[in-house]
Amino acid sequence: EEDLVFERYDNAMLSVFAFMLGAFHISDVIKATSPTLACLFVVGFILLAAVILLNMVFSIMGDWFDEVRNAEIQATYARALLVLEYENRIPYATKLKHRETWYPKWIQVLRKGT
């Protein structure tokens, strides 16, 4: 049974699939009817698996970066809301008294989503 691992095309495909599960013996590749084709299957599978796994790692890292960036934006927006809340607690007379120093002519406006 083990000598027929790469004997037929369907057995070869199942053998390459079994590589994912760790069932890999180099002697099976050497004993194949066409060792060159068997080596191509093995090398092709290993390269394809490596590319797919690297793609998955990069995708996960990109998602983490986006989550961190969104958290920073939300934190800045929350700080701006806190400043506005504290500013609204100041009595209007006090705001008028210190208008020139507290409220310059030009201020930066923060809006969510911009």
Protein backbone atom coordinates (compact mmCIF):
# COMPACT_ATOMS: atom_id res chain seq x y z
CA GLU A 1 0.00 0.00 0.00
CA GLU A 2 2.78 2.46 0.89
CA ASP A 3 4.55 1.77 -2.42
CA LEU A 4 1.49 3.11 -4.31
CA VAL A 5 1.55 6.55 -2.74
CA PHE A 6 2.42 8.33 -6.01
CA GLU A 7 1.36 5.50 -8.36
CA ARG A 8 -1.81 7.22 -9.64
CA TYR A 9 -2.85 10.86 -9.88
CA ASP A 10 -5.59 10.57 -7.23
CA ASN A 11 -3.21 8.83 -4.80
CA ALA A 12 -0.65 11.56 -5.43
CA MET A 13 -3.17 14.30 -4.63
CA LEU A 14 -4.25 12.53 -1.44
CA SER A 15 -0.60 12.09 -0.45
CA VAL A 16 0.10 15.78 -0.93
CA PHE A 17 -2.99 16.56 1.14
CA ALA A 18 -1.69 14.19 3.84
CA PHE A 19 1.47 16.34 4.04
CA MET A 20 -0.62 18.91 5.91
CA LEU A 21 -1.20 16.30 8.60
CA GLY A 22 2.50 15.47 8.86
CA ALA A 23 2.39 12.16 6.95
CA PHE A 24 5.48 12.79 4.84
CA HIS A 25 8.25 10.32 4.06
CA ILE A 26 10.95 11.12 1.53
CA SER A 27 11.22 7.44 0.64
CA ASP A 28 7.66 7.58 -0.77
CA VAL A 29 8.73 10.32 -3.18
CA ILE A 30 11.85 8.44 -4.27
CA LYS A 31 9.91 5.18 -4.84
CA ALA A 32 7.26 6.87 -6.97
CA THR A 33 6.70 5.84 -10.60
CA SER A 34 7.80 9.34 -11.64
CA PRO A 35 10.09 10.74 -8.93
CA THR A 36 10.42 14.01 -10.80
CA LEU A 37 6.67 14.58 -10.86
CA ALA A 38 6.41 13.49 -7.22
CA CYS A 39 9.12 16.00 -6.25
CA LEU A 40 7.29 18.71 -8.18
CA PHE A 41 4.09 17.92 -6.28
CA VAL A 42 5.91 18.07 -2.93
CA VAL A 43 7.83 21.26 -3.70
CA GLY A 44 4.76 22.92 -5.21
CA PHE A 45 2.67 22.09 -2.18
CA ILE A 46 5.31 23.32 0.27
CA LEU A 47 5.73 26.61 -1.64
CA LEU A 48 1.99 27.14 -1.98
CA ALA A 49 1.44 26.43 1.73
CA ALA A 50 4.22 28.86 2.68
CA VAL A 51 2.77 31.63 0.50
CA ILE A 52 -0.74 31.10 1.88
CA LEU A 53 0.49 31.10 5.50
CA LEU A 54 2.54 34.26 4.97
CA ASN A 55 -0.48 35.93 3.39
CA MET A 56 -2.55 35.00 6.43
CA VAL A 57 0.09 36.44 8.81
CA PHE A 58 0.22 39.71 6.87
CA SER A 59 -3.56 39.93 6.85
CA ILE A 60 -3.77 39.41 10.61
CA MET A 61 -1.08 42.03 11.21
CA GLY A 62 -2.95 44.49 8.98
CA ASP A 63 -6.16 43.93 10.94
CA TRP A 64 -4.34 44.54 14.22
CA PHE A 65 -2.87 47.77 12.85
CA ASP A 66 -6.32 48.97 11.78
CA GLU A 67 -7.77 48.19 15.21
CA VAL A 68 -4.98 50.10 16.95
CA ARG A 69 -5.39 53.06 14.60
CA ASN A 70 -9.17 53.13 15.16
CA ALA A 71 -8.61 52.98 18.93
CA GLU A 72 -6.29 56.02 18.73
CA ILE A 73 -8.86 57.99 16.72
CA GLN A 74 -11.64 57.10 19.16
CA ALA A 75 -9.46 58.07 22.12
CA THR A 76 -8.76 61.49 20.58
CA TYR A 77 -12.46 62.02 19.93
CA ALA A 78 -13.30 61.00 23.52
CA ARG A 79 -10.75 63.52 24.86
CA ALA A 80 -12.31 66.25 22.72
CA LEU A 81 -15.78 65.41 24.08
CA LEU A 82 -14.40 65.54 27.62
CA VAL A 83 -12.93 68.98 26.99
CA LEU A 84 -16.28 70.20 25.66
CA GLU A 85 -18.09 68.76 28.66
CA TYR A 86 -15.77 70.55 31.09
CA GLU A 87 -16.03 73.75 29.06
CA ASN A 88 -19.83 73.65 29.25
CA ARG A 89 -19.62 73.52 33.06
CA ILE A 90 -17.87 76.90 33.19
CA PRO A 91 -20.33 79.72 33.95
CA TYR A 92 -21.08 82.04 31.05
CA ALA A 93 -19.90 85.13 32.96
CA THR A 94 -16.49 83.55 33.53
CA LYS A 95 -16.23 82.66 29.85
CA LEU A 96 -16.95 86.29 28.88
CA LYS A 97 -14.38 87.58 31.36
CA HIS A 98 -11.57 85.39 29.97
CA ARG A 99 -12.75 85.33 26.36
CA GLU A 100 -9.57 86.76 24.81
CA THR A 101 -7.17 84.35 26.54
CA TRP A 102 -9.31 81.19 26.66
CA TYR A 103 -10.87 81.45 23.20
CA PRO A 104 -8.39 82.59 20.57
CA LYS A 105 -9.56 83.83 17.22
CA TRP A 106 -8.60 80.56 15.48
CA ILE A 107 -9.26 77.15 17.01
CA GLN A 108 -9.06 73.63 15.70
CA VAL A 109 -12.35 71.84 15.28
CA LEU A 110 -12.52 68.06 15.79
CA ARG A 111 -15.30 66.12 14.12
CA LYS A 112 -15.90 62.41 14.21
CA GLY A 113 -15.12 60.73 10.92
CA THR A 114 -12.81 63.42 9.52
